[in-house]
Amino acid sequence: MNQRPANIVLEESFLDVRAKILEIAAVLDRVDRSLQDGTPLDEDISIRRDKIHDAIRLLLSEEPDRAERVQLLFSRKYSPAWRSELKVD
């Protein structure tokens, strides 16, 4: 399988990636500002924020397969009874 050169990948993707990073930064800034009133996050929302922080750490790692590891971070654990748990029949 031929891979595209890194220079081309970055050149073609840079503006889209930059926009997504700015969006993430803006959301985290809004959350931080809203927490300044002393109201804590609900537990389930706090877990989501922690997952975002964990995902950012995964992105900064030099290990391969970052996309797969981020996807797994946000995925539910497999359950053989998933159909009944999610009420899918």
PDB file of N, CA and C in Angstrom:
ATOM      1  N   MET A   1       0.850  -1.188   0.000  1.00  0.00           N
ATOM      2  CA  MET A   1       0.000   0.000   0.000  1.00  0.00           C
ATOM      3  C   MET A   1       0.884   1.235   0.000  1.00  0.00           C
ATOM      4  N   ASN A   2       0.640   2.125  -0.949  1.00  0.00           N
ATOM      5  CA  ASN A   2       1.418   3.355  -1.024  1.00  0.00           C
ATOM      6  C   ASN A   2       0.846   4.388  -0.066  1.00  0.00           C
ATOM      7  N   GLN A   3       1.730   4.922   0.745  1.00  0.00           N
ATOM      8  CA  GLN A   3       1.297   5.980   1.650  1.00  0.00           C
ATOM      9  C   GLN A   3       1.651   7.327   1.035  1.00  0.00           C
ATOM     10  N   ARG A   4       0.806   8.301   1.292  1.00  0.00           N
ATOM     11  CA  ARG A   4       1.078   9.647   0.805  1.00  0.00           C
ATOM     12  C   ARG A   4       2.170  10.263   1.661  1.00  0.00           C
ATOM     13  N   PRO A   5       3.004  11.091   1.095  1.00  0.00           N
ATOM     14  CA  PRO A   5       4.071  11.736   1.869  1.00  0.00           C
ATOM     15  C   PRO A   5       3.489  12.613   2.987  1.00  0.00           C
ATOM     16  N   ALA A   6       4.183  12.622   4.116  1.00  0.00           N
ATOM     17  CA  ALA A   6       3.734  13.386   5.284  1.00  0.00           C
ATOM     18  C   ALA A   6       3.536  14.860   4.954  1.00  0.00           C
ATOM     19  N   ASN A   7       4.413  15.427   4.131  1.00  0.00           N
ATOM     20  CA  ASN A   7       4.270  16.845   3.773  1.00  0.00           C
ATOM     21  C   ASN A   7       2.940  17.120   3.095  1.00  0.00           C
ATOM     22  N   ILE A   8       2.509  16.228   2.241  1.00  0.00           N
ATOM     23  CA  ILE A   8       1.237  16.409   1.530  1.00  0.00           C
ATOM     24  C   ILE A   8       0.062  16.236   2.495  1.00  0.00           C
ATOM     25  N   VAL A   9       0.136  15.215   3.335  1.00  0.00           N
ATOM     26  CA  VAL A   9      -0.935  14.982   4.311  1.00  0.00           C
ATOM     27  C   VAL A   9      -1.117  16.218   5.184  1.00  0.00           C
ATOM     28  N   LEU A  10      -0.017  16.734   5.712  1.00  0.00           N
ATOM     29  CA  LEU A  10      -0.113  17.915   6.591  1.00  0.00           C
ATOM     30  C   LEU A  10      -0.569  19.150   5.829  1.00  0.00           C
ATOM     31  N   GLU A  11      -0.064  19.332   4.622  1.00  0.00           N
ATOM     32  CA  GLU A  11      -0.472  20.485   3.820  1.00  0.00           C
ATOM     33  C   GLU A  11      -1.974  20.472   3.549  1.00  0.00           C
ATOM     34  N   GLU A  12      -2.510  19.316   3.201  1.00  0.00           N
ATOM     35  CA  GLU A  12      -3.932  19.210   2.879  1.00  0.00           C
ATOM     36  C   GLU A  12      -4.835  19.265   4.104  1.00  0.00           C
ATOM     37  N   SER A  13      -4.333  18.859   5.245  1.00  0.00           N
ATOM     38  CA  SER A  13      -5.166  18.734   6.447  1.00  0.00           C
ATOM     39  C   SER A  13      -5.002  19.868   7.443  1.00  0.00           C
ATOM     40  N   PHE A  14      -3.993  20.672   7.293  1.00  0.00           N
ATOM     41  CA  PHE A  14      -3.629  21.637   8.328  1.00  0.00           C
ATOM     42  C   PHE A  14      -4.781  22.550   8.741  1.00  0.00           C
ATOM     43  N   LEU A  15      -5.443  23.170   7.799  1.00  0.00           N
ATOM     44  CA  LEU A  15      -6.493  24.140   8.157  1.00  0.00           C
ATOM     45  C   LEU A  15      -7.672  23.462   8.858  1.00  0.00           C
ATOM     46  N   ASP A  16      -8.061  22.284   8.398  1.00  0.00           N
ATOM     47  CA  ASP A  16      -9.156  21.562   9.059  1.00  0.00           C
ATOM     48  C   ASP A  16      -8.770  21.156  10.480  1.00  0.00           C
ATOM     49  N   VAL A  17      -7.561  20.658  10.647  1.00  0.00           N
ATOM     50  CA  VAL A  17      -7.102  20.236  11.973  1.00  0.00           C
ATOM     51  C   VAL A  17      -7.010  21.439  12.892  1.00  0.00           C
ATOM     52  N   ARG A  18      -6.463  22.534  12.379  1.00  0.00           N
ATOM     53  CA  ARG A  18      -6.355  23.760  13.181  1.00  0.00           C
ATOM     54  C   ARG A  18      -7.728  24.216  13.668  1.00  0.00           C
ATOM     55  N   ALA A  19      -8.722  24.169  12.792  1.00  0.00           N
ATOM     56  CA  ALA A  19     -10.082  24.586  13.163  1.00  0.00           C
ATOM     57  C   ALA A  19     -10.661  23.687  14.249  1.00  0.00           C
ATOM     58  N   LYS A  20     -10.421  22.392  14.148  1.00  0.00           N
ATOM     59  CA  LYS A  20     -10.939  21.460  15.153  1.00  0.00           C
ATOM     60  C   LYS A  20     -10.257  21.671  16.501  1.00  0.00           C
ATOM     61  N   ILE A  21      -8.959  21.932  16.481  1.00  0.00           N
ATOM     62  CA  ILE A  21      -8.234  22.192  17.729  1.00  0.00           C
ATOM     63  C   ILE A  21      -8.737  23.481  18.377  1.00  0.00           C
ATOM     64  N   LEU A  22      -8.960  24.502  17.569  1.00  0.00           N
ATOM     65  CA  LEU A  22      -9.497  25.760  18.106  1.00  0.00           C
ATOM     66  C   LEU A  22     -10.887  25.558  18.706  1.00  0.00           C
ATOM     67  N   GLU A  23     -11.700  24.735  18.070  1.00  0.00           N
ATOM     68  CA  GLU A  23     -13.034  24.452  18.600  1.00  0.00           C
ATOM     69  C   GLU A  23     -12.946  23.753  19.952  1.00  0.00           C
ATOM     70  N   ILE A  24     -12.056  22.787  20.076  1.00  0.00           N
ATOM     71  CA  ILE A  24     -11.865  22.088  21.351  1.00  0.00           C
ATOM     72  C   ILE A  24     -11.399  23.064  22.418  1.00  0.00           C
ATOM     73  N   ALA A  25     -10.437  23.907  22.068  1.00  0.00           N
ATOM     74  CA  ALA A  25      -9.927  24.891  23.027  1.00  0.00           C
ATOM     75  C   ALA A  25     -11.037  25.838  23.480  1.00  0.00           C
ATOM     76  N   ALA A  26     -11.887  26.261  22.558  1.00  0.00           N
ATOM     77  CA  ALA A  26     -12.978  27.175  22.895  1.00  0.00           C
ATOM     78  C   ALA A  26     -13.978  26.517  23.838  1.00  0.00           C
ATOM     79  N   VAL A  27     -14.313  25.267  23.590  1.00  0.00           N
ATOM     80  CA  VAL A  27     -15.248  24.550  24.469  1.00  0.00           C
ATOM     81  C   VAL A  27     -14.653  24.420  25.870  1.00  0.00           C
ATOM     82  N   LEU A  28     -13.381  24.027  25.956  1.00  0.00           N
ATOM     83  CA  LEU A  28     -12.756  23.882  27.275  1.00  0.00           C
ATOM     84  C   LEU A  28     -12.688  25.223  28.004  1.00  0.00           C
ATOM     85  N   ASP A  29     -12.423  26.307  27.267  1.00  0.00           N
ATOM     86  CA  ASP A  29     -12.426  27.647  27.877  1.00  0.00           C
ATOM     87  C   ASP A  29     -13.808  28.007  28.414  1.00  0.00           C
ATOM     88  N   ARG A  30     -14.854  27.700  27.645  1.00  0.00           N
ATOM     89  CA  ARG A  30     -16.213  28.007  28.106  1.00  0.00           C
ATOM     90  C   ARG A  30     -16.559  27.212  29.360  1.00  0.00           C
ATOM     91  N   VAL A  31     -16.160  25.952  29.383  1.00  0.00           N
ATOM     92  CA  VAL A  31     -16.401  25.127  30.581  1.00  0.00           C
ATOM     93  C   VAL A  31     -15.670  25.724  31.775  1.00  0.00           C
ATOM     94  N   ASP A  32     -14.394  26.055  31.597  1.00  0.00           N
ATOM     95  CA  ASP A  32     -13.614  26.628  32.706  1.00  0.00           C
ATOM     96  C   ASP A  32     -14.240  27.920  33.220  1.00  0.00           C
ATOM     97  N   ARG A  33     -14.658  28.785  32.301  1.00  0.00           N
ATOM     98  CA  ARG A  33     -15.276  30.053  32.730  1.00  0.00           C
ATOM     99  C   ARG A  33     -16.569  29.805  33.493  1.00  0.00           C
ATOM    100  N   SER A  34     -17.354  28.838  33.043  1.00  0.00           N
ATOM    101  CA  SER A  34     -18.633  28.584  33.709  1.00  0.00           C
ATOM    102  C   SER A  34     -18.439  27.932  35.075  1.00  0.00           C
ATOM    103  N   LEU A  35     -17.309  27.291  35.290  1.00  0.00           N
ATOM    104  CA  LEU A  35     -17.047  26.673  36.596  1.00  0.00           C
ATOM    105  C   LEU A  35     -16.564  27.688  37.627  1.00  0.00           C
ATOM    106  N   GLN A  36     -16.233  28.882  37.201  1.00  0.00           N
ATOM    107  CA  GLN A  36     -15.727  29.893  38.126  1.00  0.00           C
ATOM    108  C   GLN A  36     -16.765  30.348  39.135  1.00  0.00           C
ATOM    109  N   ASP A  37     -18.035  30.054  38.888  1.00  0.00           N
ATOM    110  CA  ASP A  37     -19.066  30.433  39.855  1.00  0.00           C
ATOM    111  C   ASP A  37     -19.145  29.458  41.025  1.00  0.00           C
ATOM    112  N   GLY A  38     -18.327  28.397  40.975  1.00  0.00           N
ATOM    113  CA  GLY A  38     -18.274  27.448  42.084  1.00  0.00           C
ATOM    114  C   GLY A  38     -19.203  26.263  41.951  1.00  0.00           C
ATOM    115  N   THR A  39     -20.043  26.251  40.933  1.00  0.00           N
ATOM    116  CA  THR A  39     -20.940  25.115  40.731  1.00  0.00           C
ATOM    117  C   THR A  39     -20.166  23.978  40.091  1.00  0.00           C
ATOM    118  N   PRO A  40     -20.105  22.828  40.745  1.00  0.00           N
ATOM    119  CA  PRO A  40     -19.341  21.711  40.175  1.00  0.00           C
ATOM    120  C   PRO A  40     -20.097  21.058  39.027  1.00  0.00           C
ATOM    121  N   LEU A  41     -19.357  20.341  38.214  1.00  0.00           N
ATOM    122  CA  LEU A  41     -19.978  19.570  37.139  1.00  0.00           C
ATOM    123  C   LEU A  41     -20.717  18.378  37.724  1.00  0.00           C
ATOM    124  N   ASP A  42     -21.825  17.999  37.086  1.00  0.00           N
ATOM    125  CA  ASP A  42     -22.482  16.745  37.446  1.00  0.00           C
ATOM    126  C   ASP A  42     -21.493  15.609  37.200  1.00  0.00           C
ATOM    127  N   GLU A  43     -21.652  14.499  37.908  1.00  0.00           N
ATOM    128  CA  GLU A  43     -20.685  13.401  37.827  1.00  0.00           C
ATOM    129  C   GLU A  43     -20.526  12.870  36.400  1.00  0.00           C
ATOM    130  N   ASP A  44     -21.646  12.654  35.704  1.00  0.00           N
ATOM    131  CA  ASP A  44     -21.540  12.108  34.344  1.00  0.00           C
ATOM    132  C   ASP A  44     -20.886  13.097  33.386  1.00  0.00           C
ATOM    133  N   ILE A  45     -21.100  14.384  33.592  1.00  0.00           N
ATOM    134  CA  ILE A  45     -20.476  15.405  32.754  1.00  0.00           C
ATOM    135  C   ILE A  45     -18.992  15.504  33.086  1.00  0.00           C
ATOM    136  N   SER A  46     -18.646  15.372  34.344  1.00  0.00           N
ATOM    137  CA  SER A  46     -17.242  15.386  34.753  1.00  0.00           C
ATOM    138  C   SER A  46     -16.483  14.221  34.117  1.00  0.00           C
ATOM    139  N   ILE A  47     -17.135  13.063  34.046  1.00  0.00           N
ATOM    140  CA  ILE A  47     -16.524  11.897  33.403  1.00  0.00           C
ATOM    141  C   ILE A  47     -16.267  12.193  31.924  1.00  0.00           C
ATOM    142  N   ARG A  48     -17.201  12.866  31.274  1.00  0.00           N
ATOM    143  CA  ARG A  48     -17.010  13.218  29.865  1.00  0.00           C
ATOM    144  C   ARG A  48     -15.840  14.187  29.693  1.00  0.00           C
ATOM    145  N   ARG A  49     -15.765  15.187  30.565  1.00  0.00           N
ATOM    146  CA  ARG A  49     -14.641  16.124  30.482  1.00  0.00           C
ATOM    147  C   ARG A  49     -13.320  15.390  30.679  1.00  0.00           C
ATOM    148  N   ASP A  50     -13.286  14.470  31.634  1.00  0.00           N
ATOM    149  CA  ASP A  50     -12.066  13.700  31.875  1.00  0.00           C
ATOM    150  C   ASP A  50     -11.684  12.864  30.647  1.00  0.00           C
ATOM    151  N   LYS A  51     -12.685  12.340  29.950  1.00  0.00           N
ATOM    152  CA  LYS A  51     -12.391  11.569  28.734  1.00  0.00           C
ATOM    153  C   LYS A  51     -11.802  12.470  27.652  1.00  0.00           C
ATOM    154  N   ILE A  52     -12.292  13.690  27.558  1.00  0.00           N
ATOM    155  CA  ILE A  52     -11.715  14.637  26.592  1.00  0.00           C
ATOM    156  C   ILE A  52     -10.254  14.901  26.937  1.00  0.00           C
ATOM    157  N   HIS A  53      -9.967  15.108  28.206  1.00  0.00           N
ATOM    158  CA  HIS A  53      -8.576  15.322  28.636  1.00  0.00           C
ATOM    159  C   HIS A  53      -7.724  14.092  28.335  1.00  0.00           C
ATOM    160  N   ASP A  54      -8.260  12.908  28.599  1.00  0.00           N
ATOM    161  CA  ASP A  54      -7.531  11.665  28.295  1.00  0.00           C
ATOM    162  C   ASP A  54      -7.266  11.547  26.800  1.00  0.00           C
ATOM    163  N   ALA A  55      -8.245  11.910  25.992  1.00  0.00           N
ATOM    164  CA  ALA A  55      -8.079  11.838  24.538  1.00  0.00           C
ATOM    165  C   ALA A  55      -6.984  12.793  24.068  1.00  0.00           C
ATOM    166  N   ILE A  56      -6.936  13.973  24.652  1.00  0.00           N
ATOM    167  CA  ILE A  56      -5.887  14.934  24.287  1.00  0.00           C
ATOM    168  C   ILE A  56      -4.510  14.364  24.629  1.00  0.00           C
ATOM    169  N   ARG A  57      -4.405  13.716  25.781  1.00  0.00           N
ATOM    170  CA  ARG A  57      -3.132  13.079  26.140  1.00  0.00           C
ATOM    171  C   ARG A  57      -2.764  11.986  25.136  1.00  0.00           C
ATOM    172  N   LEU A  58      -3.755  11.196  24.710  1.00  0.00           N
ATOM    173  CA  LEU A  58      -3.490  10.166  23.701  1.00  0.00           C
ATOM    174  C   LEU A  58      -2.998  10.791  22.396  1.00  0.00           C
ATOM    175  N   LEU A  59      -3.591  11.905  22.003  1.00  0.00           N
ATOM    176  CA  LEU A  59      -3.174  12.571  20.773  1.00  0.00           C
ATOM    177  C   LEU A  59      -1.737  13.062  20.849  1.00  0.00           C
ATOM    178  N   LEU A  60      -1.314  13.452  22.034  1.00  0.00           N
ATOM    179  CA  LEU A  60       0.043  13.974  22.209  1.00  0.00           C
ATOM    180  C   LEU A  60       1.097  12.876  22.315  1.00  0.00           C
ATOM    181  N   SER A  61       0.672  11.638  22.459  1.00  0.00           N
ATOM    182  CA  SER A  61       1.627  10.544  22.587  1.00  0.00           C
ATOM    183  C   SER A  61       2.276  10.256  21.235  1.00  0.00           C
ATOM    184  N   GLU A  62       3.418   9.631  21.276  1.00  0.00           N
ATOM    185  CA  GLU A  62       4.131   9.263  20.056  1.00  0.00           C
ATOM    186  C   GLU A  62       3.822   7.828  19.643  1.00  0.00           C
ATOM    187  N   GLU A  63       2.951   7.168  20.376  1.00  0.00           N
ATOM    188  CA  GLU A  63       2.624   5.783  20.074  1.00  0.00           C
ATOM    189  C   GLU A  63       1.733   5.704  18.829  1.00  0.00           C
ATOM    190  N   PRO A  64       1.817   4.587  18.097  1.00  0.00           N
ATOM    191  CA  PRO A  64       0.984   4.450  16.890  1.00  0.00           C
ATOM    192  C   PRO A  64      -0.488   4.202  17.234  1.00  0.00           C
ATOM    193  N   ASP A  65      -1.313   4.272  16.225  1.00  0.00           N
ATOM    194  CA  ASP A  65      -2.740   3.956  16.331  1.00  0.00           C
ATOM    195  C   ASP A  65      -3.498   4.875  17.288  1.00  0.00           C
ATOM    196  N   ARG A  66      -3.174   6.143  17.245  1.00  0.00           N
ATOM    197  CA  ARG A  66      -3.864   7.102  18.121  1.00  0.00           C
ATOM    198  C   ARG A  66      -5.364   7.143  17.847  1.00  0.00           C
ATOM    199  N   ALA A  67      -5.745   7.114  16.572  1.00  0.00           N
ATOM    200  CA  ALA A  67      -7.183   7.185  16.242  1.00  0.00           C
ATOM    201  C   ALA A  67      -7.926   6.003  16.844  1.00  0.00           C
ATOM    202  N   GLU A  68      -7.357   4.828  16.752  1.00  0.00           N
ATOM    203  CA  GLU A  68      -8.006   3.643  17.321  1.00  0.00           C
ATOM    204  C   GLU A  68      -8.117   3.761  18.838  1.00  0.00           C
ATOM    205  N   ARG A  69      -7.060   4.230  19.477  1.00  0.00           N
ATOM    206  CA  ARG A  69      -7.084   4.328  20.939  1.00  0.00           C
ATOM    207  C   ARG A  69      -8.070   5.393  21.411  1.00  0.00           C
ATOM    208  N   VAL A  70      -8.188   6.492  20.675  1.00  0.00           N
ATOM    209  CA  VAL A  70      -9.179   7.517  21.026  1.00  0.00           C
ATOM    210  C   VAL A  70     -10.590   6.960  20.829  1.00  0.00           C
ATOM    211  N   GLN A  71     -10.813   6.260  19.730  1.00  0.00           N
ATOM    212  CA  GLN A  71     -12.130   5.659  19.487  1.00  0.00           C
ATOM    213  C   GLN A  71     -12.497   4.704  20.618  1.00  0.00           C
ATOM    214  N   LEU A  72     -11.553   3.873  21.027  1.00  0.00           N
ATOM    215  CA  LEU A  72     -11.817   2.927  22.120  1.00  0.00           C
ATOM    216  C   LEU A  72     -12.098   3.657  23.434  1.00  0.00           C
ATOM    217  N   LEU A  73     -11.416   4.767  23.663  1.00  0.00           N
ATOM    218  CA  LEU A  73     -11.643   5.545  24.876  1.00  0.00           C
ATOM    219  C   LEU A  73     -13.096   6.006  24.976  1.00  0.00           C
ATOM    220  N   PHE A  74     -13.667   6.403  23.846  1.00  0.00           N
ATOM    221  CA  PHE A  74     -15.035   6.923  23.838  1.00  0.00           C
ATOM    222  C   PHE A  74     -16.094   5.844  23.596  1.00  0.00           C
ATOM    223  N   SER A  75     -15.662   4.609  23.391  1.00  0.00           N
ATOM    224  CA  SER A  75     -16.599   3.530  23.098  1.00  0.00           C
ATOM    225  C   SER A  75     -17.081   2.846  24.367  1.00  0.00           C
ATOM    226  N   ARG A  76     -18.265   2.288  24.272  1.00  0.00           N
ATOM    227  CA  ARG A  76     -18.778   1.465  25.367  1.00  0.00           C
ATOM    228  C   ARG A  76     -18.011   0.154  25.391  1.00  0.00           C
ATOM    229  N   LYS A  77     -17.903  -0.419  26.573  1.00  0.00           N
ATOM    230  CA  LYS A  77     -17.331  -1.759  26.696  1.00  0.00           C
ATOM    231  C   LYS A  77     -18.309  -2.745  26.074  1.00  0.00           C
ATOM    232  N   TYR A  78     -17.783  -3.767  25.410  1.00  0.00           N
ATOM    233  CA  TYR A  78     -18.651  -4.746  24.767  1.00  0.00           C
ATOM    234  C   TYR A  78     -19.379  -5.575  25.824  1.00  0.00           C
ATOM    235  N   SER A  79     -20.637  -5.769  25.591  1.00  0.00           N
ATOM    236  CA  SER A  79     -21.454  -6.631  26.431  1.00  0.00           C
ATOM    237  C   SER A  79     -22.219  -7.581  25.513  1.00  0.00           C
ATOM    238  N   PRO A  80     -22.164  -8.874  25.796  1.00  0.00           N
ATOM    239  CA  PRO A  80     -22.927  -9.811  24.969  1.00  0.00           C
ATOM    240  C   PRO A  80     -24.432  -9.518  24.989  1.00  0.00           C
ATOM    241  N   ALA A  81     -24.887  -8.840  26.006  1.00  0.00           N
ATOM    242  CA  ALA A  81     -26.315  -8.530  26.133  1.00  0.00           C
ATOM    243  C   ALA A  81     -26.631  -7.111  25.639  1.00  0.00           C
ATOM    244  N   TRP A  82     -25.821  -6.589  24.722  1.00  0.00           N
ATOM    245  CA  TRP A  82     -25.984  -5.205  24.303  1.00  0.00           C
ATOM    246  C   TRP A  82     -27.354  -4.929  23.695  1.00  0.00           C
ATOM    247  N   ARG A  83     -27.914  -5.876  23.004  1.00  0.00           N
ATOM    248  CA  ARG A  83     -29.230  -5.645  22.386  1.00  0.00           C
ATOM    249  C   ARG A  83     -30.306  -5.358  23.429  1.00  0.00           C
ATOM    250  N   SER A  84     -30.341  -6.158  24.477  1.00  0.00           N
ATOM    251  CA  SER A  84     -31.352  -5.933  25.500  1.00  0.00           C
ATOM    252  C   SER A  84     -31.022  -4.698  26.345  1.00  0.00           C
ATOM    253  N   GLU A  85     -29.751  -4.455  26.606  1.00  0.00           N
ATOM    254  CA  GLU A  85     -29.363  -3.280  27.401  1.00  0.00           C
ATOM    255  C   GLU A  85     -29.709  -1.975  26.691  1.00  0.00           C
ATOM    256  N   LEU A  86     -29.573  -1.963  25.369  1.00  0.00           N
ATOM    257  CA  LEU A  86     -29.882  -0.756  24.595  1.00  0.00           C
ATOM    258  C   LEU A  86     -31.278  -0.793  23.999  1.00  0.00           C
ATOM    259  N   LYS A  87     -32.020  -1.846  24.357  1.00  0.00           N
ATOM    260  CA  LYS A  87     -33.403  -2.016  23.877  1.00  0.00           C
ATOM    261  C   LYS A  87     -33.478  -2.005  22.345  1.00  0.00           C
ATOM    262  N   VAL A  88     -32.567  -2.790  21.742  1.00  0.00           N
ATOM    263  CA  VAL A  88     -32.549  -2.947  20.294  1.00  0.00           C
ATOM    264  C   VAL A  88     -32.954  -4.384  19.991  1.00  0.00           C
ATOM    265  N   ASP A  89     -34.046  -4.545  19.291  1.00  0.00           N
ATOM    266  CA  ASP A  89     -34.501  -5.892  18.948  1.00  0.00           C
ATOM    267  C   ASP A  89     -34.760  -6.040  17.489  1.00  0.00           C
TER     268      ASP A  89
END
